[in-house]
N, C-alpha and C. Protein backbone atom coordinates (compact mmCIF):
# COMPACT_ATOMS: atom_id res chain seq x y z
N MET A 1 0.81 -1.19 0.00
CA MET A 1 0.00 0.00 0.00
C MET A 1 0.86 1.27 0.00
N LYS A 2 2.01 1.19 0.73
CA LYS A 2 2.91 2.34 0.80
C LYS A 2 3.48 2.65 -0.59
N LYS A 3 3.84 1.61 -1.37
CA LYS A 3 4.36 1.83 -2.72
C LYS A 3 3.30 2.45 -3.62
N PHE A 4 2.06 2.07 -3.42
CA PHE A 4 0.97 2.66 -4.21
C PHE A 4 0.90 4.17 -3.99
N TRP A 5 0.95 4.61 -2.74
CA TRP A 5 0.86 6.03 -2.42
C TRP A 5 2.10 6.78 -2.90
N GLN A 6 3.26 6.13 -2.89
CA GLN A 6 4.46 6.75 -3.42
C GLN A 6 4.33 6.96 -4.93
N LEU A 7 3.76 5.98 -5.63
CA LEU A 7 3.54 6.13 -7.06
C LEU A 7 2.52 7.23 -7.36
N VAL A 8 1.46 7.30 -6.55
CA VAL A 8 0.46 8.36 -6.72
C VAL A 8 1.10 9.72 -6.48
N SER A 9 1.93 9.84 -5.46
CA SER A 9 2.62 11.11 -5.16
C SER A 9 3.54 11.50 -6.31
N LEU A 10 4.30 10.53 -6.83
CA LEU A 10 5.20 10.80 -7.94
C LEU A 10 4.42 11.23 -9.18
N ALA A 11 3.33 10.54 -9.46
CA ALA A 11 2.48 10.90 -10.62
C ALA A 11 1.92 12.30 -10.43
N SER A 12 1.51 12.65 -9.22
CA SER A 12 0.97 13.99 -8.95
C SER A 12 2.02 15.06 -9.18
N LEU A 13 3.24 14.81 -8.71
CA LEU A 13 4.32 15.77 -8.92
C LEU A 13 4.62 15.94 -10.40
N LEU A 14 4.65 14.84 -11.12
CA LEU A 14 4.89 14.93 -12.56
C LEU A 14 3.79 15.72 -13.25
N MET A 15 2.55 15.50 -12.86
CA MET A 15 1.42 16.23 -13.45
C MET A 15 1.54 17.72 -13.16
N LEU A 16 1.89 18.06 -11.92
CA LEU A 16 2.05 19.48 -11.57
C LEU A 16 3.18 20.09 -12.38
N GLY A 17 4.26 19.37 -12.56
CA GLY A 17 5.39 19.87 -13.34
C GLY A 17 5.01 20.12 -14.78
N VAL A 18 4.24 19.22 -15.36
CA VAL A 18 3.80 19.37 -16.75
C VAL A 18 2.88 20.58 -16.87
N GLN A 19 1.99 20.77 -15.90
CA GLN A 19 1.06 21.89 -15.97
C GLN A 19 1.76 23.22 -15.76
N ALA A 20 2.84 23.24 -14.97
CA ALA A 20 3.54 24.49 -14.68
C ALA A 20 4.35 24.99 -15.87
N VAL A 21 4.71 24.10 -16.80
CA VAL A 21 5.48 24.50 -17.98
C VAL A 21 4.51 25.00 -19.03
N PRO A 22 4.63 26.29 -19.45
CA PRO A 22 3.71 26.79 -20.47
C PRO A 22 3.92 26.08 -21.80
N SER A 23 2.87 25.93 -22.52
CA SER A 23 2.97 25.27 -23.82
C SER A 23 3.77 26.15 -24.78
N VAL A 24 4.36 25.52 -25.77
CA VAL A 24 5.14 26.26 -26.77
C VAL A 24 4.25 27.27 -27.47
N GLU A 25 3.02 26.86 -27.80
CA GLU A 25 2.08 27.75 -28.49
C GLU A 25 1.76 28.98 -27.64
N ALA A 26 1.50 28.78 -26.34
CA ALA A 26 1.16 29.90 -25.46
C ALA A 26 2.33 30.86 -25.30
N SER A 27 3.56 30.33 -25.30
CA SER A 27 4.71 31.21 -25.12
C SER A 27 4.96 32.08 -26.35
N LYS A 28 4.45 31.71 -27.51
CA LYS A 28 4.63 32.49 -28.72
C LYS A 28 3.54 33.54 -28.91
N ARG A 29 2.56 33.56 -28.05
CA ARG A 29 1.48 34.52 -28.19
C ARG A 29 1.99 35.91 -27.82
N THR A 30 1.76 36.85 -28.69
CA THR A 30 2.15 38.23 -28.46
C THR A 30 0.94 39.09 -28.78
N ASN A 31 0.63 39.99 -27.88
CA ASN A 31 -0.46 40.91 -28.19
C ASN A 31 0.13 42.24 -28.66
N GLU A 32 -0.71 43.08 -29.20
CA GLU A 32 -0.29 44.37 -29.73
C GLU A 32 -0.95 45.48 -28.94
N LEU A 33 -0.17 46.48 -28.56
CA LEU A 33 -0.69 47.59 -27.77
C LEU A 33 -0.83 48.87 -28.57
N SER A 34 -0.08 49.00 -29.68
CA SER A 34 -0.12 50.27 -30.40
C SER A 34 0.03 50.06 -31.90
N LEU A 35 -0.43 51.04 -32.63
CA LEU A 35 -0.26 51.10 -34.08
C LEU A 35 -0.04 52.57 -34.41
N ALA A 36 0.99 52.84 -35.18
CA ALA A 36 1.36 54.21 -35.54
C ALA A 36 1.62 55.06 -34.29
N GLY A 37 2.13 54.41 -33.25
CA GLY A 37 2.44 55.13 -32.02
C GLY A 37 1.23 55.49 -31.18
N LEU A 38 0.06 55.02 -31.57
CA LEU A 38 -1.19 55.34 -30.86
C LEU A 38 -1.71 54.10 -30.14
N HIS A 39 -2.40 54.32 -29.02
CA HIS A 39 -2.92 53.23 -28.20
C HIS A 39 -4.45 53.30 -28.17
N PRO A 40 -5.14 52.40 -28.89
CA PRO A 40 -6.60 52.44 -28.87
C PRO A 40 -7.14 52.17 -27.47
N GLY A 41 -8.19 52.91 -27.14
CA GLY A 41 -8.81 52.77 -25.82
C GLY A 41 -8.13 53.61 -24.76
N ARG A 42 -7.00 54.23 -25.10
CA ARG A 42 -6.25 55.01 -24.11
C ARG A 42 -5.95 56.44 -24.57
N ASP A 43 -5.43 56.59 -25.81
CA ASP A 43 -5.03 57.92 -26.29
C ASP A 43 -6.25 58.76 -26.66
N ARG A 44 -6.09 60.05 -26.49
CA ARG A 44 -7.14 61.00 -26.86
C ARG A 44 -6.87 61.55 -28.27
N LEU A 45 -7.82 62.21 -28.83
CA LEU A 45 -7.75 62.75 -30.19
C LEU A 45 -6.51 63.61 -30.40
N ALA A 46 -6.05 64.32 -29.40
CA ALA A 46 -4.90 65.21 -29.56
C ALA A 46 -3.64 64.45 -29.95
N SER A 47 -3.51 63.19 -29.56
CA SER A 47 -2.30 62.42 -29.86
C SER A 47 -2.03 62.29 -31.36
N PRO A 48 -2.98 61.79 -32.16
CA PRO A 48 -2.66 61.68 -33.59
C PRO A 48 -2.50 63.04 -34.25
N GLN A 49 -3.23 64.05 -33.78
CA GLN A 49 -3.10 65.37 -34.38
C GLN A 49 -1.70 65.94 -34.13
N LYS A 50 -1.11 65.63 -33.00
CA LYS A 50 0.23 66.10 -32.68
C LYS A 50 1.29 65.31 -33.46
N ILE A 51 1.18 63.99 -33.46
CA ILE A 51 2.19 63.13 -34.09
C ILE A 51 2.21 63.27 -35.61
N PHE A 52 1.03 63.36 -36.24
CA PHE A 52 0.94 63.29 -37.70
C PHE A 52 0.59 64.63 -38.35
N ARG A 53 0.93 65.71 -37.71
CA ARG A 53 0.59 67.01 -38.28
C ARG A 53 1.26 67.25 -39.63
N GLU A 54 2.41 66.59 -39.88
CA GLU A 54 3.10 66.80 -41.15
C GLU A 54 2.43 66.07 -42.31
N LEU A 55 1.56 65.12 -42.03
CA LEU A 55 0.82 64.46 -43.09
C LEU A 55 -0.36 65.33 -43.49
N ASP A 56 -0.83 65.19 -44.71
CA ASP A 56 -1.97 65.97 -45.17
C ASP A 56 -3.25 65.39 -44.58
N ARG A 57 -4.04 66.23 -43.95
CA ARG A 57 -5.30 65.79 -43.35
C ARG A 57 -6.40 65.89 -44.39
N ASP A 58 -7.11 64.80 -44.63
CA ASP A 58 -8.19 64.74 -45.61
C ASP A 58 -9.49 65.08 -44.90
N GLU A 59 -9.97 66.30 -45.08
CA GLU A 59 -11.17 66.79 -44.40
C GLU A 59 -12.46 66.21 -45.00
N SER A 60 -12.36 65.54 -46.15
CA SER A 60 -13.58 65.02 -46.80
C SER A 60 -14.13 63.80 -46.08
N VAL A 61 -13.34 63.18 -45.24
CA VAL A 61 -13.80 62.00 -44.52
C VAL A 61 -14.52 62.47 -43.26
N THR A 62 -15.75 62.03 -43.10
CA THR A 62 -16.54 62.50 -41.96
C THR A 62 -16.63 61.49 -40.83
N ASP A 63 -16.49 60.20 -41.12
CA ASP A 63 -16.64 59.20 -40.06
C ASP A 63 -15.36 58.93 -39.30
N ALA A 64 -14.24 59.47 -39.74
CA ALA A 64 -12.96 59.25 -39.08
C ALA A 64 -12.00 60.36 -39.45
N LEU A 65 -10.92 60.43 -38.74
CA LEU A 65 -9.84 61.34 -39.08
C LEU A 65 -8.92 60.60 -40.03
N LEU A 66 -8.47 61.25 -41.07
CA LEU A 66 -7.65 60.59 -42.07
C LEU A 66 -6.47 61.47 -42.43
N TRP A 67 -5.27 60.89 -42.30
CA TRP A 67 -4.07 61.55 -42.75
C TRP A 67 -3.50 60.70 -43.87
N GLY A 68 -2.98 61.36 -44.90
CA GLY A 68 -2.43 60.59 -46.02
C GLY A 68 -1.12 61.16 -46.49
N ASP A 69 -0.27 60.29 -46.97
CA ASP A 69 1.01 60.67 -47.55
C ASP A 69 0.88 60.49 -49.05
N ILE A 70 0.84 61.60 -49.77
CA ILE A 70 0.57 61.55 -51.20
C ILE A 70 1.71 60.90 -51.99
N CYS A 71 2.89 60.82 -51.41
CA CYS A 71 4.02 60.23 -52.14
C CYS A 71 4.09 58.71 -51.99
N THR A 72 3.76 58.21 -50.83
CA THR A 72 3.89 56.77 -50.59
C THR A 72 2.54 56.06 -50.62
N HIS A 73 1.46 56.83 -50.73
CA HIS A 73 0.09 56.32 -50.72
C HIS A 73 -0.27 55.63 -49.41
N ARG A 74 0.46 55.96 -48.35
CA ARG A 74 0.15 55.43 -47.03
C ARG A 74 -0.92 56.34 -46.40
N GLU A 75 -1.83 55.69 -45.66
CA GLU A 75 -2.84 56.47 -44.96
C GLU A 75 -2.97 56.00 -43.53
N LEU A 76 -3.41 56.91 -42.70
CA LEU A 76 -3.71 56.62 -41.31
C LEU A 76 -5.14 57.07 -41.07
N ARG A 77 -5.97 56.14 -40.60
CA ARG A 77 -7.36 56.45 -40.28
C ARG A 77 -7.56 56.20 -38.79
N VAL A 78 -8.12 57.20 -38.10
CA VAL A 78 -8.34 57.12 -36.66
C VAL A 78 -9.81 57.38 -36.37
N GLU A 79 -10.43 56.45 -35.66
CA GLU A 79 -11.82 56.61 -35.23
C GLU A 79 -11.83 56.83 -33.73
N VAL A 80 -12.61 57.81 -33.29
CA VAL A 80 -12.70 58.14 -31.87
C VAL A 80 -14.13 57.98 -31.39
N ASP A 81 -14.30 57.84 -30.08
CA ASP A 81 -15.65 57.74 -29.52
C ASP A 81 -16.16 59.14 -29.13
N ALA A 82 -17.31 59.22 -28.49
CA ALA A 82 -17.91 60.50 -28.13
C ALA A 82 -17.03 61.30 -27.16
N ASN A 83 -16.18 60.62 -26.40
CA ASN A 83 -15.27 61.29 -25.47
C ASN A 83 -13.92 61.63 -26.09
N LYS A 84 -13.82 61.46 -27.42
CA LYS A 84 -12.61 61.74 -28.20
C LYS A 84 -11.43 60.87 -27.79
N ILE A 85 -11.74 59.62 -27.41
CA ILE A 85 -10.71 58.63 -27.12
C ILE A 85 -10.58 57.73 -28.35
N VAL A 86 -9.35 57.53 -28.80
CA VAL A 86 -9.09 56.71 -29.97
C VAL A 86 -9.61 55.30 -29.73
N GLN A 87 -10.43 54.80 -30.66
CA GLN A 87 -10.98 53.45 -30.55
C GLN A 87 -10.39 52.50 -31.59
N THR A 88 -10.21 53.00 -32.82
CA THR A 88 -9.72 52.16 -33.90
C THR A 88 -8.68 52.93 -34.71
N ILE A 89 -7.60 52.23 -35.05
CA ILE A 89 -6.52 52.81 -35.85
C ILE A 89 -6.30 51.89 -37.04
N THR A 90 -6.23 52.46 -38.23
CA THR A 90 -5.94 51.67 -39.43
C THR A 90 -4.84 52.36 -40.21
N VAL A 91 -3.85 51.59 -40.63
CA VAL A 91 -2.85 52.08 -41.58
C VAL A 91 -3.03 51.27 -42.85
N ASP A 92 -2.86 51.93 -43.99
CA ASP A 92 -3.19 51.28 -45.25
C ASP A 92 -2.28 51.80 -46.35
N THR A 93 -2.21 51.07 -47.44
CA THR A 93 -1.38 51.44 -48.60
C THR A 93 -2.23 51.93 -49.76
N ASP A 94 -3.45 52.34 -49.50
CA ASP A 94 -4.38 52.66 -50.58
C ASP A 94 -4.82 54.12 -50.61
N TYR A 95 -4.00 55.04 -50.11
CA TYR A 95 -4.37 56.46 -50.10
C TYR A 95 -4.23 57.03 -51.50
N LYS A 96 -5.33 57.51 -52.05
CA LYS A 96 -5.33 58.08 -53.39
C LYS A 96 -6.06 59.44 -53.35
N PRO A 97 -5.32 60.49 -53.07
CA PRO A 97 -5.95 61.81 -53.01
C PRO A 97 -6.34 62.30 -54.40
N GLU A 98 -7.22 63.28 -54.41
CA GLU A 98 -7.66 63.85 -55.70
C GLU A 98 -6.54 64.64 -56.36
N ILE A 99 -5.70 65.26 -55.57
CA ILE A 99 -4.61 66.08 -56.10
C ILE A 99 -3.29 65.36 -55.83
N MET A 100 -2.56 65.07 -56.87
CA MET A 100 -1.27 64.42 -56.72
C MET A 100 -0.17 65.48 -56.83
N ALA A 101 0.92 65.23 -56.18
CA ALA A 101 2.04 66.18 -56.20
C ALA A 101 3.31 65.44 -56.58
N LYS A 102 4.30 66.20 -57.04
CA LYS A 102 5.59 65.62 -57.32
C LYS A 102 6.27 65.38 -55.97
N CYS A 103 6.77 64.17 -55.79
CA CYS A 103 7.32 63.79 -54.49
C CYS A 103 8.83 63.84 -54.49
N GLN A 104 9.38 64.19 -53.34
CA GLN A 104 10.81 64.22 -53.15
C GLN A 104 11.24 62.95 -52.42
N ALA A 105 12.48 62.53 -52.61
CA ALA A 105 12.98 61.30 -52.00
C ALA A 105 12.89 61.33 -50.48
N VAL A 106 13.07 62.49 -49.87
CA VAL A 106 13.03 62.60 -48.41
C VAL A 106 11.66 62.19 -47.85
N VAL A 107 10.61 62.40 -48.63
CA VAL A 107 9.27 62.05 -48.18
C VAL A 107 9.14 60.55 -48.01
N MET A 108 9.81 59.78 -48.87
CA MET A 108 9.70 58.32 -48.83
C MET A 108 10.78 57.68 -47.97
N ALA A 109 11.45 58.45 -47.14
CA ALA A 109 12.51 57.93 -46.28
C ALA A 109 11.95 56.85 -45.36
N PRO A 110 12.72 55.78 -45.12
CA PRO A 110 12.27 54.70 -44.24
C PRO A 110 11.84 55.18 -42.86
N SER A 111 12.49 56.22 -42.34
CA SER A 111 12.11 56.72 -41.01
C SER A 111 10.69 57.26 -41.01
N ARG A 112 10.26 57.84 -42.11
CA ARG A 112 8.90 58.36 -42.21
C ARG A 112 7.88 57.22 -42.31
N LEU A 113 8.22 56.17 -43.06
CA LEU A 113 7.31 55.05 -43.21
C LEU A 113 7.16 54.27 -41.90
N LYS A 114 8.19 54.27 -41.06
CA LYS A 114 8.12 53.56 -39.78
C LYS A 114 7.13 54.21 -38.82
N LEU A 115 6.72 55.43 -39.09
CA LEU A 115 5.71 56.08 -38.25
C LEU A 115 4.42 55.26 -38.19
N LEU A 116 4.16 54.48 -39.23
CA LEU A 116 2.90 53.74 -39.32
C LEU A 116 3.04 52.28 -38.89
N ALA A 117 4.10 51.93 -38.18
CA ALA A 117 4.33 50.55 -37.75
C ALA A 117 3.57 50.21 -36.48
N SER A 118 3.40 48.90 -36.24
CA SER A 118 2.81 48.44 -34.98
C SER A 118 3.87 48.52 -33.89
N GLY A 119 3.44 48.41 -32.65
CA GLY A 119 4.36 48.45 -31.53
C GLY A 119 5.38 47.33 -31.57
N GLN A 120 5.01 46.19 -32.17
CA GLN A 120 5.91 45.05 -32.30
C GLN A 120 6.76 45.13 -33.57
N GLY A 121 6.58 46.21 -34.37
CA GLY A 121 7.42 46.44 -35.54
C GLY A 121 6.87 45.98 -36.87
N LEU A 122 5.62 45.51 -36.93
CA LEU A 122 5.03 45.12 -38.21
C LEU A 122 4.73 46.38 -39.01
N GLN A 123 5.17 46.42 -40.28
CA GLN A 123 5.00 47.58 -41.14
C GLN A 123 4.27 47.23 -42.42
N LEU A 124 3.66 48.23 -43.01
CA LEU A 124 3.10 48.08 -44.35
C LEU A 124 4.25 47.72 -45.28
N GLY A 125 4.02 46.75 -46.17
CA GLY A 125 5.06 46.31 -47.09
C GLY A 125 5.89 45.15 -46.58
N ASP A 126 5.74 44.80 -45.29
CA ASP A 126 6.46 43.64 -44.76
C ASP A 126 5.95 42.36 -45.42
N PRO A 127 6.79 41.32 -45.47
CA PRO A 127 6.29 40.03 -45.96
C PRO A 127 5.20 39.51 -45.03
N CYS A 128 4.17 38.90 -45.58
CA CYS A 128 3.06 38.39 -44.77
C CYS A 128 3.54 37.36 -43.74
N SER A 129 4.58 36.62 -44.07
CA SER A 129 5.10 35.61 -43.14
C SER A 129 5.59 36.23 -41.84
N ARG A 130 5.90 37.50 -41.84
CA ARG A 130 6.40 38.18 -40.64
C ARG A 130 5.33 38.25 -39.55
N MET A 131 4.04 38.28 -39.95
CA MET A 131 2.95 38.32 -38.95
C MET A 131 3.03 37.11 -38.03
N ALA A 132 3.16 35.93 -38.61
CA ALA A 132 3.22 34.71 -37.80
C ALA A 132 4.47 34.69 -36.93
N GLU A 133 5.58 35.24 -37.42
CA GLU A 133 6.80 35.32 -36.61
C GLU A 133 6.59 36.18 -35.38
N ILE A 134 5.85 37.26 -35.52
CA ILE A 134 5.63 38.19 -34.41
C ILE A 134 4.48 37.75 -33.51
N TYR A 135 3.32 37.47 -34.10
CA TYR A 135 2.09 37.26 -33.33
C TYR A 135 1.65 35.81 -33.21
N GLY A 136 2.30 34.92 -33.92
CA GLY A 136 1.88 33.52 -33.89
C GLY A 136 0.75 33.28 -34.87
N LYS A 137 0.06 32.17 -34.66
CA LYS A 137 -1.04 31.78 -35.55
C LYS A 137 -2.26 32.67 -35.28
N PRO A 138 -2.91 33.17 -36.34
CA PRO A 138 -4.11 34.00 -36.14
C PRO A 138 -5.32 33.16 -35.73
N GLU A 139 -6.32 33.82 -35.16
CA GLU A 139 -7.58 33.13 -34.82
C GLU A 139 -8.28 32.67 -36.08
N SER A 140 -8.18 33.49 -37.14
CA SER A 140 -8.79 33.09 -38.41
C SER A 140 -8.06 33.73 -39.57
N GLU A 141 -8.18 33.08 -40.73
CA GLU A 141 -7.68 33.58 -42.00
C GLU A 141 -8.82 33.44 -43.00
N SER A 142 -9.06 34.48 -43.79
CA SER A 142 -10.13 34.40 -44.77
C SER A 142 -9.79 35.24 -45.99
N PRO A 143 -10.34 34.86 -47.14
CA PRO A 143 -10.11 35.66 -48.34
C PRO A 143 -10.88 36.97 -48.26
N SER A 144 -10.34 37.97 -48.91
CA SER A 144 -10.97 39.29 -48.94
C SER A 144 -10.56 39.95 -50.26
N ALA A 145 -11.08 41.13 -50.51
CA ALA A 145 -10.72 41.86 -51.73
C ALA A 145 -10.82 43.36 -51.47
N ARG A 146 -10.02 44.10 -52.21
CA ARG A 146 -10.09 45.56 -52.21
C ARG A 146 -10.06 45.95 -53.67
N GLY A 147 -11.25 46.27 -54.19
CA GLY A 147 -11.37 46.49 -55.62
C GLY A 147 -11.08 45.20 -56.34
N SER A 148 -10.12 45.21 -57.26
CA SER A 148 -9.76 43.98 -57.98
C SER A 148 -8.59 43.24 -57.30
N GLU A 149 -8.04 43.82 -56.24
CA GLU A 149 -6.91 43.19 -55.55
C GLU A 149 -7.40 42.11 -54.59
N GLN A 150 -6.86 40.90 -54.74
CA GLN A 150 -7.21 39.79 -53.86
C GLN A 150 -6.35 39.85 -52.60
N LEU A 151 -7.02 39.74 -51.44
CA LEU A 151 -6.34 39.83 -50.16
C LEU A 151 -6.60 38.61 -49.31
N GLU A 152 -5.76 38.41 -48.34
CA GLU A 152 -5.95 37.41 -47.29
C GLU A 152 -6.04 38.21 -45.98
N LEU A 153 -7.13 38.01 -45.24
CA LEU A 153 -7.35 38.75 -43.99
C LEU A 153 -7.01 37.86 -42.81
N TRP A 154 -6.09 38.31 -41.98
CA TRP A 154 -5.69 37.58 -40.78
C TRP A 154 -6.27 38.32 -39.58
N LEU A 155 -6.95 37.59 -38.70
CA LEU A 155 -7.59 38.18 -37.51
C LEU A 155 -6.92 37.64 -36.26
N TYR A 156 -6.47 38.57 -35.41
CA TYR A 156 -5.89 38.23 -34.11
C TYR A 156 -6.80 38.80 -33.04
N SER A 157 -7.13 37.99 -32.07
CA SER A 157 -7.94 38.41 -30.93
C SER A 157 -7.05 38.38 -29.69
N PHE A 158 -7.02 39.49 -28.96
CA PHE A 158 -6.15 39.59 -27.79
C PHE A 158 -6.93 39.58 -26.48
N ASP A 159 -8.15 39.05 -26.48
CA ASP A 159 -8.94 39.03 -25.24
C ASP A 159 -8.25 38.23 -24.15
N TRP A 160 -7.38 37.29 -24.51
CA TRP A 160 -6.63 36.50 -23.54
C TRP A 160 -5.67 37.37 -22.73
N ALA A 161 -5.30 38.56 -23.25
CA ALA A 161 -4.33 39.42 -22.58
C ALA A 161 -4.98 40.35 -21.56
N GLY A 162 -6.31 40.34 -21.47
CA GLY A 162 -7.02 41.20 -20.52
C GLY A 162 -7.82 42.27 -21.21
N SER A 163 -8.76 42.84 -20.50
CA SER A 163 -9.67 43.82 -21.10
C SER A 163 -9.07 45.22 -21.21
N ASN A 164 -7.91 45.46 -20.59
CA ASN A 164 -7.32 46.80 -20.63
C ASN A 164 -6.33 46.98 -21.79
N VAL A 165 -6.29 46.04 -22.72
CA VAL A 165 -5.43 46.16 -23.90
C VAL A 165 -6.30 46.11 -25.15
N PRO A 166 -5.78 46.59 -26.30
CA PRO A 166 -6.55 46.45 -27.54
C PRO A 166 -6.97 44.99 -27.73
N GLN A 167 -8.16 44.80 -28.23
CA GLN A 167 -8.74 43.46 -28.28
C GLN A 167 -8.61 42.75 -29.62
N VAL A 168 -8.54 43.50 -30.72
CA VAL A 168 -8.57 42.87 -32.04
C VAL A 168 -7.59 43.57 -32.98
N MET A 169 -6.90 42.76 -33.80
CA MET A 169 -6.07 43.29 -34.86
C MET A 169 -6.39 42.53 -36.13
N GLU A 170 -6.64 43.26 -37.21
CA GLU A 170 -6.84 42.67 -38.53
C GLU A 170 -5.68 43.11 -39.41
N VAL A 171 -5.12 42.15 -40.13
CA VAL A 171 -4.03 42.46 -41.05
C VAL A 171 -4.40 41.89 -42.42
N SER A 172 -4.33 42.73 -43.44
CA SER A 172 -4.61 42.29 -44.81
C SER A 172 -3.31 42.16 -45.58
N CYS A 173 -3.20 41.04 -46.29
CA CYS A 173 -2.03 40.76 -47.12
C CYS A 173 -2.46 40.63 -48.56
N SER A 174 -1.67 41.18 -49.44
CA SER A 174 -1.92 41.02 -50.88
C SER A 174 -1.58 39.59 -51.27
N VAL A 175 -2.49 38.93 -51.96
CA VAL A 175 -2.25 37.55 -52.40
C VAL A 175 -1.13 37.53 -53.44
N SER A 176 -1.08 38.53 -54.31
CA SER A 176 -0.08 38.53 -55.38
C SER A 176 1.32 38.89 -54.90
N SER A 177 1.45 39.93 -54.08
CA SER A 177 2.79 40.35 -53.64
C SER A 177 3.23 39.72 -52.32
N LYS A 178 2.28 39.09 -51.60
CA LYS A 178 2.58 38.48 -50.28
C LYS A 178 3.13 39.52 -49.30
N GLN A 179 2.60 40.77 -49.40
CA GLN A 179 3.02 41.84 -48.50
C GLN A 179 1.83 42.38 -47.72
N VAL A 180 2.12 42.91 -46.53
CA VAL A 180 1.10 43.54 -45.68
C VAL A 180 0.65 44.83 -46.35
N VAL A 181 -0.66 44.99 -46.55
CA VAL A 181 -1.18 46.20 -47.18
C VAL A 181 -2.08 47.01 -46.25
N SER A 182 -2.51 46.43 -45.14
CA SER A 182 -3.38 47.15 -44.22
C SER A 182 -3.31 46.50 -42.84
N ILE A 183 -3.32 47.34 -41.80
CA ILE A 183 -3.34 46.87 -40.41
C ILE A 183 -4.37 47.70 -39.66
N THR A 184 -5.26 47.03 -38.92
CA THR A 184 -6.24 47.72 -38.07
C THR A 184 -6.10 47.18 -36.66
N LEU A 185 -6.04 48.09 -35.69
CA LEU A 185 -5.98 47.72 -34.28
C LEU A 185 -7.12 48.44 -33.58
N ALA A 186 -7.93 47.68 -32.83
CA ALA A 186 -9.12 48.25 -32.21
C ALA A 186 -9.17 47.94 -30.72
N ALA A 187 -9.69 48.89 -29.95
CA ALA A 187 -9.84 48.73 -28.51
C ALA A 187 -10.88 47.68 -28.18
N SER A 188 -11.87 47.53 -29.04
CA SER A 188 -12.92 46.53 -28.80
C SER A 188 -13.11 45.71 -30.07
N SER A 189 -13.97 44.72 -30.01
CA SER A 189 -14.20 43.86 -31.18
C SER A 189 -14.72 44.67 -32.34
N LEU A 190 -14.26 44.31 -33.52
CA LEU A 190 -14.68 45.00 -34.75
C LEU A 190 -16.00 44.46 -35.23
């Protein structure tokens, strides 16, 4: 009987040891707190207006604030709630203003394009494979389209990280170029 209890004790210790070691999948989970230097659910409207004042503000958009870079076709869209707290941030490669200008090389400098990166360093134009390297496997992948461009939409849910962090990130990848073309980070579910 004593040997039986010793085996039960040993099995219990082994079980506790196995449970205490986080799974490989769980250790690769990374959540995102910011996009374009902004924190959804935390930053107020003044933050993007201060950071992106050098970008052209498109006043024709009424449902969100929109800044665009006419040389790189990068855009930043910020949606705020009634209290002027940033709720959703989107960076995209599809900015097409009505008036085009001749662009200088300094405008397309890598330091300027990094303004629109995620807190973990994901940028527009990155290879799509980089998402999995940073954030792990998405909750879902689905086909999408933007005009005639075929996209793959990757959805990450960060509810596991707690309610005080952004909850959802959507990343669109071009099927043809295999590059990131759009990133959206939201304080709540989209």
